[in-house]
Amino acid sequence: MKKYKIFDKEKFDWAMDSALDALYREDKNIFMKRVTDMELSSEMTEQDILYMFAQSAYTTGLTSNFIYGGHK
């Protein structure tokens, strides 16, 4: 994945943690607000951030399938 400059690391990390929490709670509005916060505190675009979350979910799914043998 491409490296991006983060202008405010503390705000970016907080926004990412809050976004993950919002995903867990299935709160779309807060998730998108935190994506915007991540965008404003880095040189990443909204598309880059959403793609990063998608890649992470995909990789986690592949790992899970490998460890647990996939769907039965």
PDB file of N, CA and C in Angstrom:
ATOM      1  N   MET A   1       0.841  -1.175   0.000  1.00  0.00           N
ATOM      2  CA  MET A   1       0.000   0.000   0.000  1.00  0.00           C
ATOM      3  C   MET A   1       0.889   1.242   0.000  1.00  0.00           C
ATOM      4  N   LYS A   2       0.440   2.256  -0.674  1.00  0.00           N
ATOM      5  CA  LYS A   2       1.165   3.519  -0.766  1.00  0.00           C
ATOM      6  C   LYS A   2       1.301   4.160   0.610  1.00  0.00           C
ATOM      7  N   LYS A   3       2.432   4.819   0.845  1.00  0.00           N
ATOM      8  CA  LYS A   3       2.650   5.544   2.097  1.00  0.00           C
ATOM      9  C   LYS A   3       2.090   6.959   1.953  1.00  0.00           C
ATOM     10  N   TYR A   4       1.437   7.432   3.003  1.00  0.00           N
ATOM     11  CA  TYR A   4       0.843   8.758   3.008  1.00  0.00           C
ATOM     12  C   TYR A   4       1.379   9.556   4.186  1.00  0.00           C
ATOM     13  N   LYS A   5       1.480  10.849   3.993  1.00  0.00           N
ATOM     14  CA  LYS A   5       1.909  11.727   5.076  1.00  0.00           C
ATOM     15  C   LYS A   5       0.715  12.007   5.988  1.00  0.00           C
ATOM     16  N   ILE A   6       0.960  11.913   7.288  1.00  0.00           N
ATOM     17  CA  ILE A   6      -0.063  12.223   8.285  1.00  0.00           C
ATOM     18  C   ILE A   6       0.376  13.503   8.979  1.00  0.00           C
ATOM     19  N   PHE A   7      -0.472  14.521   8.933  1.00  0.00           N
ATOM     20  CA  PHE A   7      -0.144  15.828   9.485  1.00  0.00           C
ATOM     21  C   PHE A   7      -0.321  15.865  11.003  1.00  0.00           C
ATOM     22  N   ASP A   8      -1.370  15.209  11.499  1.00  0.00           N
ATOM     23  CA  ASP A   8      -1.680  15.202  12.931  1.00  0.00           C
ATOM     24  C   ASP A   8      -1.898  13.751  13.353  1.00  0.00           C
ATOM     25  N   LYS A   9      -0.820  13.085  13.768  1.00  0.00           N
ATOM     26  CA  LYS A   9      -0.853  11.652  14.085  1.00  0.00           C
ATOM     27  C   LYS A   9      -1.851  11.336  15.203  1.00  0.00           C
ATOM     28  N   GLU A  10      -1.876  12.174  16.221  1.00  0.00           N
ATOM     29  CA  GLU A  10      -2.782  11.922  17.349  1.00  0.00           C
ATOM     30  C   GLU A  10      -4.247  11.956  16.896  1.00  0.00           C
ATOM     31  N   LYS A  11      -4.613  12.962  16.103  1.00  0.00           N
ATOM     32  CA  LYS A  11      -5.992  13.060  15.616  1.00  0.00           C
ATOM     33  C   LYS A  11      -6.309  11.913  14.663  1.00  0.00           C
ATOM     34  N   PHE A  12      -5.352  11.551  13.795  1.00  0.00           N
ATOM     35  CA  PHE A  12      -5.567  10.459  12.852  1.00  0.00           C
ATOM     36  C   PHE A  12      -5.798   9.144  13.601  1.00  0.00           C
ATOM     37  N   ASP A  13      -4.950   8.856  14.597  1.00  0.00           N
ATOM     38  CA  ASP A  13      -5.091   7.613  15.375  1.00  0.00           C
ATOM     39  C   ASP A  13      -6.423   7.578  16.124  1.00  0.00           C
ATOM     40  N   TRP A  14      -6.804   8.726  16.727  1.00  0.00           N
ATOM     41  CA  TRP A  14      -8.087   8.788  17.433  1.00  0.00           C
ATOM     42  C   TRP A  14      -9.240   8.538  16.461  1.00  0.00           C
ATOM     43  N   ALA A  15      -9.177   9.175  15.283  1.00  0.00           N
ATOM     44  CA  ALA A  15     -10.250   9.025  14.295  1.00  0.00           C
ATOM     45  C   ALA A  15     -10.344   7.582  13.816  1.00  0.00           C
ATOM     46  N   MET A  16      -9.183   6.923  13.630  1.00  0.00           N
ATOM     47  CA  MET A  16      -9.214   5.532  13.183  1.00  0.00           C
ATOM     48  C   MET A  16      -9.816   4.626  14.261  1.00  0.00           C
ATOM     49  N   ASP A  17      -9.412   4.819  15.508  1.00  0.00           N
ATOM     50  CA  ASP A  17      -9.993   4.024  16.603  1.00  0.00           C
ATOM     51  C   ASP A  17     -11.496   4.255  16.713  1.00  0.00           C
ATOM     52  N   SER A  18     -11.902   5.511  16.595  1.00  0.00           N
ATOM     53  CA  SER A  18     -13.323   5.842  16.674  1.00  0.00           C
ATOM     54  C   SER A  18     -14.087   5.256  15.480  1.00  0.00           C
ATOM     55  N   ALA A  19     -13.474   5.267  14.305  1.00  0.00           N
ATOM     56  CA  ALA A  19     -14.111   4.684  13.109  1.00  0.00           C
ATOM     57  C   ALA A  19     -14.297   3.181  13.279  1.00  0.00           C
ATOM     58  N   LEU A  20     -13.286   2.516  13.816  1.00  0.00           N
ATOM     59  CA  LEU A  20     -13.403   1.069  14.054  1.00  0.00           C
ATOM     60  C   LEU A  20     -14.501   0.770  15.073  1.00  0.00           C
ATOM     61  N   ASP A  21     -14.578   1.603  16.104  1.00  0.00           N
ATOM     62  CA  ASP A  21     -15.636   1.448  17.098  1.00  0.00           C
ATOM     63  C   ASP A  21     -17.008   1.649  16.458  1.00  0.00           C
ATOM     64  N   ALA A  22     -17.110   2.649  15.582  1.00  0.00           N
ATOM     65  CA  ALA A  22     -18.381   2.905  14.888  1.00  0.00           C
ATOM     66  C   ALA A  22     -18.761   1.739  13.977  1.00  0.00           C
ATOM     67  N   LEU A  23     -17.774   1.129  13.331  1.00  0.00           N
ATOM     68  CA  LEU A  23     -18.061  -0.056  12.508  1.00  0.00           C
ATOM     69  C   LEU A  23     -18.627  -1.177  13.370  1.00  0.00           C
ATOM     70  N   TYR A  24     -18.012  -1.377  14.529  1.00  0.00           N
ATOM     71  CA  TYR A  24     -18.468  -2.418  15.438  1.00  0.00           C
ATOM     72  C   TYR A  24     -19.920  -2.166  15.856  1.00  0.00           C
ATOM     73  N   ARG A  25     -20.253  -0.882  16.100  1.00  0.00           N
ATOM     74  CA  ARG A  25     -21.610  -0.523  16.527  1.00  0.00           C
ATOM     75  C   ARG A  25     -22.558  -0.337  15.346  1.00  0.00           C
ATOM     76  N   GLU A  26     -22.039  -0.488  14.121  1.00  0.00           N
ATOM     77  CA  GLU A  26     -22.821  -0.316  12.886  1.00  0.00           C
ATOM     78  C   GLU A  26     -23.426   1.084  12.803  1.00  0.00           C
ATOM     79  N   ASP A  27     -22.629   2.088  13.148  1.00  0.00           N
ATOM     80  CA  ASP A  27     -23.043   3.490  13.106  1.00  0.00           C
ATOM     81  C   ASP A  27     -22.400   4.157  11.888  1.00  0.00           C
ATOM     82  N   LYS A  28     -23.134   4.169  10.774  1.00  0.00           N
ATOM     83  CA  LYS A  28     -22.590   4.697   9.507  1.00  0.00           C
ATOM     84  C   LYS A  28     -22.238   6.177   9.595  1.00  0.00           C
ATOM     85  N   ASN A  29     -23.067   6.957  10.267  1.00  0.00           N
ATOM     86  CA  ASN A  29     -22.841   8.408  10.328  1.00  0.00           C
ATOM     87  C   ASN A  29     -21.539   8.744  11.039  1.00  0.00           C
ATOM     88  N   ILE A  30     -21.331   8.166  12.205  1.00  0.00           N
ATOM     89  CA  ILE A  30     -20.091   8.433  12.951  1.00  0.00           C
ATOM     90  C   ILE A  30     -18.894   7.892  12.181  1.00  0.00           C
ATOM     91  N   PHE A  31     -19.032   6.722  11.567  1.00  0.00           N
ATOM     92  CA  PHE A  31     -17.931   6.160  10.781  1.00  0.00           C
ATOM     93  C   PHE A  31     -17.496   7.146   9.694  1.00  0.00           C
ATOM     94  N   MET A  32     -18.439   7.681   8.949  1.00  0.00           N
ATOM     95  CA  MET A  32     -18.092   8.598   7.858  1.00  0.00           C
ATOM     96  C   MET A  32     -17.527   9.920   8.396  1.00  0.00           C
ATOM     97  N   LYS A  33     -17.993  10.377   9.552  1.00  0.00           N
ATOM     98  CA  LYS A  33     -17.419  11.581  10.161  1.00  0.00           C
ATOM     99  C   LYS A  33     -15.958  11.345  10.546  1.00  0.00           C
ATOM    100  N   ARG A  34     -15.661  10.152  11.062  1.00  0.00           N
ATOM    101  CA  ARG A  34     -14.278   9.841  11.437  1.00  0.00           C
ATOM    102  C   ARG A  34     -13.402   9.663  10.198  1.00  0.00           C
ATOM    103  N   VAL A  35     -13.968   9.146   9.109  1.00  0.00           N
ATOM    104  CA  VAL A  35     -13.223   9.067   7.844  1.00  0.00           C
ATOM    105  C   VAL A  35     -12.853  10.475   7.395  1.00  0.00           C
ATOM    106  N   THR A  36     -13.779  11.412   7.531  1.00  0.00           N
ATOM    107  CA  THR A  36     -13.498  12.808   7.185  1.00  0.00           C
ATOM    108  C   THR A  36     -12.399  13.371   8.079  1.00  0.00           C
ATOM    109  N   ASP A  37     -12.437  13.062   9.379  1.00  0.00           N
ATOM    110  CA  ASP A  37     -11.381  13.506  10.288  1.00  0.00           C
ATOM    111  C   ASP A  37     -10.023  12.939   9.869  1.00  0.00           C
ATOM    112  N   MET A  38     -10.006  11.674   9.468  1.00  0.00           N
ATOM    113  CA  MET A  38      -8.756  11.053   9.008  1.00  0.00           C
ATOM    114  C   MET A  38      -8.257  11.744   7.744  1.00  0.00           C
ATOM    115  N   GLU A  39      -9.182  12.087   6.863  1.00  0.00           N
ATOM    116  CA  GLU A  39      -8.841  12.770   5.616  1.00  0.00           C
ATOM    117  C   GLU A  39      -8.231  14.145   5.897  1.00  0.00           C
ATOM    118  N   LEU A  40      -8.814  14.877   6.846  1.00  0.00           N
ATOM    119  CA  LEU A  40      -8.338  16.224   7.160  1.00  0.00           C
ATOM    120  C   LEU A  40      -6.993  16.221   7.885  1.00  0.00           C
ATOM    121  N   SER A  41      -6.666  15.121   8.563  1.00  0.00           N
ATOM    122  CA  SER A  41      -5.413  15.071   9.312  1.00  0.00           C
ATOM    123  C   SER A  41      -4.299  14.353   8.554  1.00  0.00           C
ATOM    124  N   SER A  42      -4.529  14.067   7.265  1.00  0.00           N
ATOM    125  CA  SER A  42      -3.516  13.392   6.456  1.00  0.00           C
ATOM    126  C   SER A  42      -3.664  13.838   5.004  1.00  0.00           C
ATOM    127  N   GLU A  43      -2.792  13.313   4.162  1.00  0.00           N
ATOM    128  CA  GLU A  43      -2.925  13.614   2.734  1.00  0.00           C
ATOM    129  C   GLU A  43      -3.733  12.544   1.998  1.00  0.00           C
ATOM    130  N   MET A  44      -4.380  11.663   2.742  1.00  0.00           N
ATOM    131  CA  MET A  44      -5.213  10.622   2.148  1.00  0.00           C
ATOM    132  C   MET A  44      -6.556  11.206   1.720  1.00  0.00           C
ATOM    133  N   THR A  45      -7.116  10.641   0.667  1.00  0.00           N
ATOM    134  CA  THR A  45      -8.461  11.019   0.245  1.00  0.00           C
ATOM    135  C   THR A  45      -9.460  10.079   0.914  1.00  0.00           C
ATOM    136  N   GLU A  46     -10.729  10.430   0.847  1.00  0.00           N
ATOM    137  CA  GLU A  46     -11.773   9.561   1.383  1.00  0.00           C
ATOM    138  C   GLU A  46     -11.702   8.188   0.718  1.00  0.00           C
ATOM    139  N   GLN A  47     -11.481   8.171  -0.579  1.00  0.00           N
ATOM    140  CA  GLN A  47     -11.386   6.912  -1.323  1.00  0.00           C
ATOM    141  C   GLN A  47     -10.217   6.065  -0.808  1.00  0.00           C
ATOM    142  N   ASP A  48      -9.064   6.695  -0.553  1.00  0.00           N
ATOM    143  CA  ASP A  48      -7.904   5.968  -0.022  1.00  0.00           C
ATOM    144  C   ASP A  48      -8.231   5.324   1.323  1.00  0.00           C
ATOM    145  N   ILE A  49      -8.912   6.072   2.180  1.00  0.00           N
ATOM    146  CA  ILE A  49      -9.235   5.584   3.525  1.00  0.00           C
ATOM    147  C   ILE A  49     -10.234   4.436   3.460  1.00  0.00           C
ATOM    148  N   LEU A  50     -11.279   4.579   2.662  1.00  0.00           N
ATOM    149  CA  LEU A  50     -12.262   3.496   2.534  1.00  0.00           C
ATOM    150  C   LEU A  50     -11.624   2.260   1.921  1.00  0.00           C
ATOM    151  N   TYR A  51     -10.727   2.454   0.958  1.00  0.00           N
ATOM    152  CA  TYR A  51     -10.024   1.324   0.348  1.00  0.00           C
ATOM    153  C   TYR A  51      -9.146   0.627   1.386  1.00  0.00           C
ATOM    154  N   MET A  52      -8.507   1.393   2.268  1.00  0.00           N
ATOM    155  CA  MET A  52      -7.683   0.820   3.328  1.00  0.00           C
ATOM    156  C   MET A  52      -8.531  -0.069   4.243  1.00  0.00           C
ATOM    157  N   PHE A  53      -9.724   0.408   4.621  1.00  0.00           N
ATOM    158  CA  PHE A  53     -10.611  -0.407   5.455  1.00  0.00           C
ATOM    159  C   PHE A  53     -11.050  -1.670   4.709  1.00  0.00           C
ATOM    160  N   ALA A  54     -11.345  -1.542   3.415  1.00  0.00           N
ATOM    161  CA  ALA A  54     -11.767  -2.701   2.619  1.00  0.00           C
ATOM    162  C   ALA A  54     -10.639  -3.723   2.511  1.00  0.00           C
ATOM    163  N   GLN A  55      -9.417  -3.260   2.270  1.00  0.00           N
ATOM    164  CA  GLN A  55      -8.275  -4.176   2.183  1.00  0.00           C
ATOM    165  C   GLN A  55      -8.080  -4.912   3.495  1.00  0.00           C
ATOM    166  N   SER A  56      -8.218  -4.196   4.589  1.00  0.00           N
ATOM    167  CA  SER A  56      -8.052  -4.806   5.904  1.00  0.00           C
ATOM    168  C   SER A  56      -9.105  -5.890   6.144  1.00  0.00           C
ATOM    169  N   ALA A  57     -10.351  -5.598   5.796  1.00  0.00           N
ATOM    170  CA  ALA A  57     -11.426  -6.581   5.967  1.00  0.00           C
ATOM    171  C   ALA A  57     -11.198  -7.795   5.075  1.00  0.00           C
ATOM    172  N   TYR A  58     -10.753  -7.572   3.847  1.00  0.00           N
ATOM    173  CA  TYR A  58     -10.506  -8.660   2.912  1.00  0.00           C
ATOM    174  C   TYR A  58      -9.370  -9.549   3.415  1.00  0.00           C
ATOM    175  N   THR A  59      -8.292  -8.932   3.871  1.00  0.00           N
ATOM    176  CA  THR A  59      -7.142  -9.688   4.379  1.00  0.00           C
ATOM    177  C   THR A  59      -7.528 -10.495   5.613  1.00  0.00           C
ATOM    178  N   THR A  60      -8.325  -9.893   6.496  1.00  0.00           N
ATOM    179  CA  THR A  60      -8.785 -10.599   7.690  1.00  0.00           C
ATOM    180  C   THR A  60      -9.641 -11.801   7.291  1.00  0.00           C
ATOM    181  N   GLY A  61     -10.487 -11.631   6.296  1.00  0.00           N
ATOM    182  CA  GLY A  61     -11.323 -12.737   5.818  1.00  0.00           C
ATOM    183  C   GLY A  61     -10.494 -13.868   5.236  1.00  0.00           C
ATOM    184  N   LEU A  62      -9.466 -13.520   4.468  1.00  0.00           N
ATOM    185  CA  LEU A  62      -8.597 -14.551   3.903  1.00  0.00           C
ATOM    186  C   LEU A  62      -7.866 -15.320   4.994  1.00  0.00           C
ATOM    187  N   THR A  63      -7.372 -14.604   5.991  1.00  0.00           N
ATOM    188  CA  THR A  63      -6.670 -15.244   7.102  1.00  0.00           C
ATOM    189  C   THR A  63      -7.611 -16.171   7.849  1.00  0.00           C
ATOM    190  N   SER A  64      -8.820 -15.709   8.110  1.00  0.00           N
ATOM    191  CA  SER A  64      -9.804 -16.513   8.807  1.00  0.00           C
ATOM    192  C   SER A  64     -10.134 -17.783   8.015  1.00  0.00           C
ATOM    193  N   ASN A  65     -10.306 -17.646   6.702  1.00  0.00           N
ATOM    194  CA  ASN A  65     -10.596 -18.814   5.863  1.00  0.00           C
ATOM    195  C   ASN A  65      -9.450 -19.812   5.903  1.00  0.00           C
ATOM    196  N   PHE A  66      -8.227 -19.316   5.900  1.00  0.00           N
ATOM    197  CA  PHE A  66      -7.065 -20.198   5.939  1.00  0.00           C
ATOM    198  C   PHE A  66      -6.995 -20.937   7.274  1.00  0.00           C
ATOM    199  N   ILE A  67      -7.195 -20.212   8.364  1.00  0.00           N
ATOM    200  CA  ILE A  67      -7.068 -20.808   9.708  1.00  0.00           C
ATOM    201  C   ILE A  67      -8.210 -21.768   9.993  1.00  0.00           C
ATOM    202  N   TYR A  68      -9.420 -21.365   9.648  1.00  0.00           N
ATOM    203  CA  TYR A  68     -10.591 -22.166  10.009  1.00  0.00           C
ATOM    204  C   TYR A  68     -11.143 -23.008   8.867  1.00  0.00           C
ATOM    205  N   GLY A  69     -10.497 -23.016   7.739  1.00  0.00           N
ATOM    206  CA  GLY A  69     -10.902 -23.874   6.639  1.00  0.00           C
ATOM    207  C   GLY A  69     -12.051 -23.373   5.800  1.00  0.00           C
ATOM    208  N   GLY A  70     -12.391 -22.113   5.894  1.00  0.00           N
ATOM    209  CA  GLY A  70     -13.436 -21.562   5.028  1.00  0.00           C
ATOM    210  C   GLY A  70     -14.827 -21.994   5.463  1.00  0.00           C
ATOM    211  N   HIS A  71     -15.766 -21.768   4.556  1.00  0.00           N
ATOM    212  CA  HIS A  71     -17.164 -22.118   4.848  1.00  0.00           C
ATOM    213  C   HIS A  71     -17.364 -23.608   4.654  1.00  0.00           C
ATOM    214  N   LYS A  72     -18.184 -24.180   5.475  1.00  0.00           N
ATOM    215  CA  LYS A  72     -18.471 -25.624   5.396  1.00  0.00           C
ATOM    216  C   LYS A  72     -19.828 -25.819   4.772  1.00  0.00           C
TER     217      LYS A  72
END
